């Protein structure tokens, strides 16, 4: 299960879409609330297509805060720490045909005080 979470973190950090695809179910959703758009929901893989060709991120630290597993379902809390902000991801995963896949992601960004 942890390997799936790292596929996501490493794929996002390295801007490697193929690695990200290993983490997410094809119908996985991504949801957040922004101050400009309000509630936003999208297909996670469609949203991540935009990372292709971008430079890897070197100014972040990835941390898995926890993983809870109950049978074939699990959730994880992840923190991505940047110099000026922290992104907190909550992932829901299911074990589908023997493989853990992220089926939904919600997240929020919190700016660090200077």
N, C-alpha and C. Protein backbone atom coordinates (compact mmCIF):
# COMPACT_ATOMS: atom_id res chain seq x y z
N UNK A 1 0.82 -1.19 0.00
CA UNK A 1 0.00 0.00 0.00
C UNK A 1 0.87 1.26 0.00
N UNK A 2 1.89 1.24 0.84
CA UNK A 2 2.78 2.39 0.91
C UNK A 2 3.45 2.65 -0.44
N UNK A 3 3.75 1.57 -1.17
CA UNK A 3 4.38 1.72 -2.49
C UNK A 3 3.50 2.55 -3.43
N UNK A 4 2.19 2.34 -3.36
CA UNK A 4 1.27 3.11 -4.21
C UNK A 4 1.33 4.59 -3.87
N UNK A 5 1.38 4.90 -2.58
CA UNK A 5 1.47 6.30 -2.16
C UNK A 5 2.78 6.91 -2.67
N UNK A 6 3.86 6.15 -2.62
CA UNK A 6 5.14 6.66 -3.12
C UNK A 6 5.15 6.81 -4.65
N UNK A 7 4.40 5.96 -5.37
CA UNK A 7 4.26 6.18 -6.82
C UNK A 7 3.70 7.58 -7.06
N UNK A 8 2.68 7.95 -6.26
CA UNK A 8 2.10 9.28 -6.39
C UNK A 8 3.12 10.36 -6.04
N UNK A 9 3.74 10.25 -4.87
CA UNK A 9 4.67 11.30 -4.42
C UNK A 9 5.86 11.44 -5.36
N UNK A 10 6.47 10.32 -5.73
CA UNK A 10 7.63 10.37 -6.63
C UNK A 10 7.23 10.83 -8.03
N UNK A 11 6.09 10.37 -8.51
CA UNK A 11 5.62 10.79 -9.83
C UNK A 11 5.35 12.28 -9.89
N UNK A 12 4.73 12.82 -8.84
CA UNK A 12 4.44 14.25 -8.80
C UNK A 12 5.73 15.06 -8.65
N UNK A 13 6.63 14.61 -7.79
CA UNK A 13 7.90 15.33 -7.59
C UNK A 13 8.73 15.33 -8.86
N UNK A 14 8.83 14.17 -9.51
CA UNK A 14 9.67 14.04 -10.72
C UNK A 14 8.95 14.48 -12.00
N UNK A 15 7.66 14.78 -11.87
CA UNK A 15 6.82 15.15 -13.03
C UNK A 15 6.80 14.01 -14.05
N UNK A 16 6.62 12.79 -13.50
CA UNK A 16 6.61 11.55 -14.27
C UNK A 16 5.17 11.01 -14.31
N UNK A 17 4.47 11.32 -15.39
CA UNK A 17 3.07 10.94 -15.51
C UNK A 17 2.88 9.43 -15.51
N UNK A 18 3.79 8.70 -16.13
CA UNK A 18 3.68 7.24 -16.18
C UNK A 18 3.75 6.64 -14.77
N UNK A 19 4.59 7.19 -13.92
CA UNK A 19 4.68 6.73 -12.53
C UNK A 19 3.39 7.08 -11.77
N UNK A 20 2.86 8.26 -12.00
CA UNK A 20 1.59 8.66 -11.37
C UNK A 20 0.46 7.72 -11.76
N UNK A 21 0.44 7.29 -13.01
CA UNK A 21 -0.62 6.39 -13.48
C UNK A 21 -0.61 5.07 -12.71
N UNK A 22 0.53 4.66 -12.18
CA UNK A 22 0.60 3.44 -11.37
C UNK A 22 -0.14 3.60 -10.05
N UNK A 23 -0.25 4.84 -9.57
CA UNK A 23 -0.85 5.10 -8.26
C UNK A 23 -2.38 5.20 -8.31
N UNK A 24 -2.92 5.77 -9.39
CA UNK A 24 -4.34 6.12 -9.43
C UNK A 24 -5.17 5.13 -10.24
N UNK A 25 -6.38 4.88 -9.75
CA UNK A 25 -7.37 4.17 -10.55
C UNK A 25 -7.79 5.11 -11.67
N UNK A 26 -8.16 4.56 -12.81
CA UNK A 26 -8.50 5.41 -13.96
C UNK A 26 -9.67 6.35 -13.69
N UNK A 27 -10.55 6.01 -12.75
CA UNK A 27 -11.69 6.87 -12.42
C UNK A 27 -11.50 7.65 -11.13
N UNK A 28 -10.28 7.73 -10.64
CA UNK A 28 -10.02 8.44 -9.38
C UNK A 28 -10.39 9.91 -9.50
N UNK A 29 -10.89 10.45 -8.40
CA UNK A 29 -11.27 11.86 -8.37
C UNK A 29 -10.28 12.66 -7.52
N UNK A 30 -10.21 13.93 -7.82
CA UNK A 30 -9.40 14.87 -7.05
C UNK A 30 -10.30 16.06 -6.75
N UNK A 31 -10.35 16.45 -5.45
CA UNK A 31 -11.27 17.50 -5.04
C UNK A 31 -10.55 18.48 -4.12
N UNK A 32 -10.92 19.74 -4.25
CA UNK A 32 -10.37 20.78 -3.38
C UNK A 32 -11.27 22.00 -3.41
N UNK A 33 -11.00 22.92 -2.51
CA UNK A 33 -11.73 24.18 -2.45
C UNK A 33 -10.70 25.29 -2.57
N UNK A 34 -10.88 26.17 -3.56
CA UNK A 34 -9.96 27.30 -3.73
C UNK A 34 -10.69 28.60 -3.44
N UNK A 35 -9.92 29.62 -3.10
CA UNK A 35 -10.53 30.91 -2.80
C UNK A 35 -11.11 31.55 -4.06
N UNK A 36 -10.59 31.20 -5.23
CA UNK A 36 -11.08 31.80 -6.48
C UNK A 36 -12.23 31.01 -7.11
N UNK A 37 -12.09 29.67 -7.17
CA UNK A 37 -13.07 28.85 -7.87
C UNK A 37 -14.07 28.16 -6.95
N UNK A 38 -13.78 28.11 -5.66
CA UNK A 38 -14.65 27.37 -4.75
C UNK A 38 -14.39 25.88 -4.90
N UNK A 39 -15.46 25.09 -4.75
CA UNK A 39 -15.34 23.63 -4.83
C UNK A 39 -14.99 23.21 -6.26
N UNK A 40 -13.97 22.38 -6.39
CA UNK A 40 -13.55 21.88 -7.70
C UNK A 40 -13.34 20.38 -7.62
N UNK A 41 -13.83 19.67 -8.62
CA UNK A 41 -13.68 18.22 -8.69
C UNK A 41 -13.26 17.86 -10.10
N UNK A 42 -12.30 16.92 -10.21
CA UNK A 42 -11.86 16.48 -11.54
C UNK A 42 -11.37 15.05 -11.47
N UNK A 43 -11.20 14.46 -12.65
CA UNK A 43 -10.54 13.16 -12.74
C UNK A 43 -9.07 13.39 -12.44
N UNK A 44 -8.51 12.64 -11.50
CA UNK A 44 -7.13 12.87 -11.07
C UNK A 44 -6.13 12.71 -12.21
N UNK A 45 -6.26 11.66 -12.99
CA UNK A 45 -5.29 11.43 -14.06
C UNK A 45 -5.38 12.52 -15.13
N UNK A 46 -6.58 12.97 -15.42
CA UNK A 46 -6.73 14.06 -16.39
C UNK A 46 -6.06 15.32 -15.86
N UNK A 47 -6.23 15.61 -14.57
CA UNK A 47 -5.62 16.79 -13.97
C UNK A 47 -4.10 16.71 -14.00
N UNK A 48 -3.55 15.53 -13.78
CA UNK A 48 -2.10 15.38 -13.73
C UNK A 48 -1.44 15.33 -15.11
N UNK A 49 -2.21 15.20 -16.17
CA UNK A 49 -1.61 15.20 -17.51
C UNK A 49 -0.79 16.47 -17.76
N UNK A 50 -1.15 17.55 -17.10
CA UNK A 50 -0.49 18.83 -17.32
C UNK A 50 0.96 18.84 -16.80
N UNK A 51 1.36 17.86 -16.00
CA UNK A 51 2.73 17.86 -15.48
C UNK A 51 3.75 17.36 -16.50
N UNK A 52 3.27 16.68 -17.54
CA UNK A 52 4.19 16.11 -18.52
C UNK A 52 5.09 17.19 -19.10
N UNK A 53 6.38 16.91 -19.11
CA UNK A 53 7.34 17.84 -19.69
C UNK A 53 7.83 18.92 -18.76
N UNK A 54 7.29 19.00 -17.55
CA UNK A 54 7.74 20.01 -16.59
C UNK A 54 9.00 19.52 -15.88
N UNK A 55 9.73 20.46 -15.32
CA UNK A 55 10.95 20.14 -14.58
C UNK A 55 10.61 19.53 -13.22
N UNK A 56 11.39 18.54 -12.79
CA UNK A 56 11.17 17.98 -11.44
C UNK A 56 11.30 19.07 -10.37
N UNK A 57 10.59 18.85 -9.27
CA UNK A 57 10.63 19.80 -8.15
C UNK A 57 11.74 19.39 -7.19
N UNK A 58 12.61 20.31 -6.88
CA UNK A 58 13.72 20.01 -5.96
C UNK A 58 13.56 20.72 -4.63
N UNK A 59 12.55 21.56 -4.51
CA UNK A 59 12.38 22.37 -3.30
C UNK A 59 11.26 21.87 -2.40
N UNK A 60 11.03 20.56 -2.38
CA UNK A 60 9.96 20.03 -1.56
C UNK A 60 10.40 18.78 -0.80
N UNK A 61 9.72 18.53 0.30
CA UNK A 61 9.97 17.33 1.07
C UNK A 61 8.64 16.60 1.22
N UNK A 62 8.62 15.31 0.91
CA UNK A 62 7.41 14.51 0.99
C UNK A 62 7.42 13.69 2.28
N UNK A 63 6.25 13.64 2.93
CA UNK A 63 6.17 12.89 4.18
C UNK A 63 4.81 12.21 4.26
N UNK A 64 4.82 10.90 4.53
CA UNK A 64 3.58 10.18 4.80
C UNK A 64 3.33 10.29 6.30
N UNK A 65 2.27 10.95 6.68
CA UNK A 65 1.94 11.14 8.09
C UNK A 65 1.37 9.85 8.69
N UNK A 66 0.45 9.23 7.97
CA UNK A 66 -0.09 7.95 8.44
C UNK A 66 -0.75 7.20 7.31
N UNK A 67 -0.91 5.90 7.52
CA UNK A 67 -1.66 5.02 6.64
C UNK A 67 -2.54 4.16 7.53
N UNK A 68 -3.83 4.11 7.23
CA UNK A 68 -4.77 3.23 7.94
C UNK A 68 -5.30 2.22 6.94
N UNK A 69 -5.24 0.95 7.30
CA UNK A 69 -5.72 -0.11 6.42
C UNK A 69 -6.80 -0.91 7.14
N UNK A 70 -7.91 -1.16 6.45
CA UNK A 70 -8.98 -2.00 6.96
C UNK A 70 -9.43 -2.91 5.82
N UNK A 71 -8.89 -4.11 5.80
CA UNK A 71 -9.23 -5.05 4.73
C UNK A 71 -8.73 -4.55 3.39
N UNK A 72 -9.66 -4.33 2.47
CA UNK A 72 -9.30 -3.88 1.12
C UNK A 72 -9.48 -2.38 0.92
N UNK A 73 -9.62 -1.65 2.03
CA UNK A 73 -9.71 -0.20 1.94
C UNK A 73 -8.66 0.42 2.85
N UNK A 74 -8.25 1.64 2.49
CA UNK A 74 -7.22 2.32 3.27
C UNK A 74 -7.33 3.82 3.04
N UNK A 75 -6.73 4.58 3.97
CA UNK A 75 -6.57 6.01 3.74
C UNK A 75 -5.20 6.42 4.24
N UNK A 76 -4.72 7.51 3.68
CA UNK A 76 -3.39 8.01 4.02
C UNK A 76 -3.42 9.53 4.08
N UNK A 77 -2.63 10.07 5.00
CA UNK A 77 -2.44 11.52 5.07
C UNK A 77 -0.99 11.79 4.68
N UNK A 78 -0.83 12.71 3.75
CA UNK A 78 0.48 13.03 3.19
C UNK A 78 0.71 14.53 3.33
N UNK A 79 1.94 14.90 3.64
CA UNK A 79 2.32 16.31 3.63
C UNK A 79 3.44 16.52 2.61
N UNK A 80 3.26 17.52 1.79
CA UNK A 80 4.29 17.95 0.85
C UNK A 80 4.71 19.34 1.32
N UNK A 81 5.94 19.41 1.81
CA UNK A 81 6.42 20.63 2.45
C UNK A 81 7.31 21.40 1.47
N UNK A 82 6.91 22.64 1.20
CA UNK A 82 7.66 23.57 0.36
C UNK A 82 8.24 24.65 1.28
N UNK A 83 9.16 25.46 0.78
CA UNK A 83 9.70 26.53 1.62
C UNK A 83 8.64 27.48 2.19
N UNK A 84 7.58 27.78 1.42
CA UNK A 84 6.59 28.76 1.85
C UNK A 84 5.19 28.20 2.09
N UNK A 85 5.01 26.89 1.92
CA UNK A 85 3.68 26.31 2.06
C UNK A 85 3.76 24.81 2.36
N UNK A 86 2.65 24.30 2.86
CA UNK A 86 2.50 22.87 3.07
C UNK A 86 1.21 22.43 2.39
N UNK A 87 1.30 21.41 1.55
CA UNK A 87 0.11 20.84 0.93
C UNK A 87 -0.20 19.55 1.69
N UNK A 88 -1.44 19.44 2.14
CA UNK A 88 -1.88 18.24 2.86
C UNK A 88 -2.85 17.49 1.95
N UNK A 89 -2.50 16.23 1.66
CA UNK A 89 -3.32 15.34 0.85
C UNK A 89 -3.93 14.27 1.73
N UNK A 90 -5.21 13.98 1.51
CA UNK A 90 -5.86 12.83 2.11
C UNK A 90 -6.24 11.91 0.96
N UNK A 91 -5.70 10.69 0.98
CA UNK A 91 -5.93 9.72 -0.09
C UNK A 91 -6.81 8.59 0.41
N UNK A 92 -7.76 8.18 -0.40
CA UNK A 92 -8.53 6.97 -0.15
C UNK A 92 -8.10 5.95 -1.19
N UNK A 93 -7.82 4.74 -0.72
CA UNK A 93 -7.32 3.69 -1.60
C UNK A 93 -8.16 2.43 -1.44
N UNK A 94 -8.23 1.66 -2.51
CA UNK A 94 -8.87 0.35 -2.50
C UNK A 94 -7.92 -0.67 -3.12
N UNK A 95 -7.97 -1.89 -2.61
CA UNK A 95 -7.18 -2.98 -3.20
C UNK A 95 -8.05 -3.62 -4.28
N UNK A 96 -7.70 -3.35 -5.52
CA UNK A 96 -8.49 -3.77 -6.68
C UNK A 96 -7.67 -4.79 -7.46
N UNK A 97 -8.22 -5.98 -7.61
CA UNK A 97 -7.55 -7.06 -8.35
C UNK A 97 -6.11 -7.23 -7.87
N UNK A 98 -5.94 -7.18 -6.54
CA UNK A 98 -4.64 -7.43 -5.93
C UNK A 98 -3.70 -6.25 -5.88
N UNK A 99 -4.12 -5.08 -6.37
CA UNK A 99 -3.26 -3.89 -6.36
C UNK A 99 -3.95 -2.73 -5.66
N UNK A 100 -3.18 -2.01 -4.83
CA UNK A 100 -3.70 -0.81 -4.19
C UNK A 100 -3.73 0.32 -5.20
N UNK A 101 -4.87 1.00 -5.27
CA UNK A 101 -5.03 2.15 -6.17
C UNK A 101 -5.69 3.29 -5.40
N UNK A 102 -5.21 4.50 -5.65
CA UNK A 102 -5.86 5.69 -5.10
C UNK A 102 -7.15 5.90 -5.88
N UNK A 103 -8.27 5.98 -5.16
CA UNK A 103 -9.56 6.20 -5.83
C UNK A 103 -10.08 7.61 -5.61
N UNK A 104 -9.55 8.30 -4.59
CA UNK A 104 -9.91 9.71 -4.42
C UNK A 104 -8.83 10.43 -3.62
N UNK A 105 -8.70 11.70 -3.94
CA UNK A 105 -7.74 12.57 -3.27
C UNK A 105 -8.45 13.88 -2.97
N UNK A 106 -8.33 14.33 -1.71
CA UNK A 106 -8.73 15.70 -1.39
C UNK A 106 -7.49 16.38 -0.81
N UNK A 107 -7.40 17.68 -1.03
CA UNK A 107 -6.21 18.36 -0.54
C UNK A 107 -6.47 19.82 -0.24
N UNK A 108 -5.52 20.38 0.52
CA UNK A 108 -5.57 21.78 0.89
C UNK A 108 -4.15 22.30 1.03
N UNK A 109 -3.95 23.58 0.73
CA UNK A 109 -2.63 24.21 0.89
C UNK A 109 -2.71 25.20 2.02
N UNK A 110 -1.65 25.22 2.81
CA UNK A 110 -1.55 26.17 3.91
C UNK A 110 -0.22 26.91 3.78
N UNK A 111 -0.31 28.22 3.65
CA UNK A 111 0.88 29.06 3.53
C UNK A 111 1.59 29.15 4.89
N UNK A 112 2.90 29.10 4.86
CA UNK A 112 3.67 29.26 6.09
C UNK A 112 3.76 30.74 6.41
N UNK A 113 3.70 31.06 7.69
CA UNK A 113 3.84 32.46 8.11
C UNK A 113 5.30 32.84 8.04
N UNK A 114 5.54 34.06 7.60
CA UNK A 114 6.91 34.54 7.46
C UNK A 114 7.37 35.21 8.71
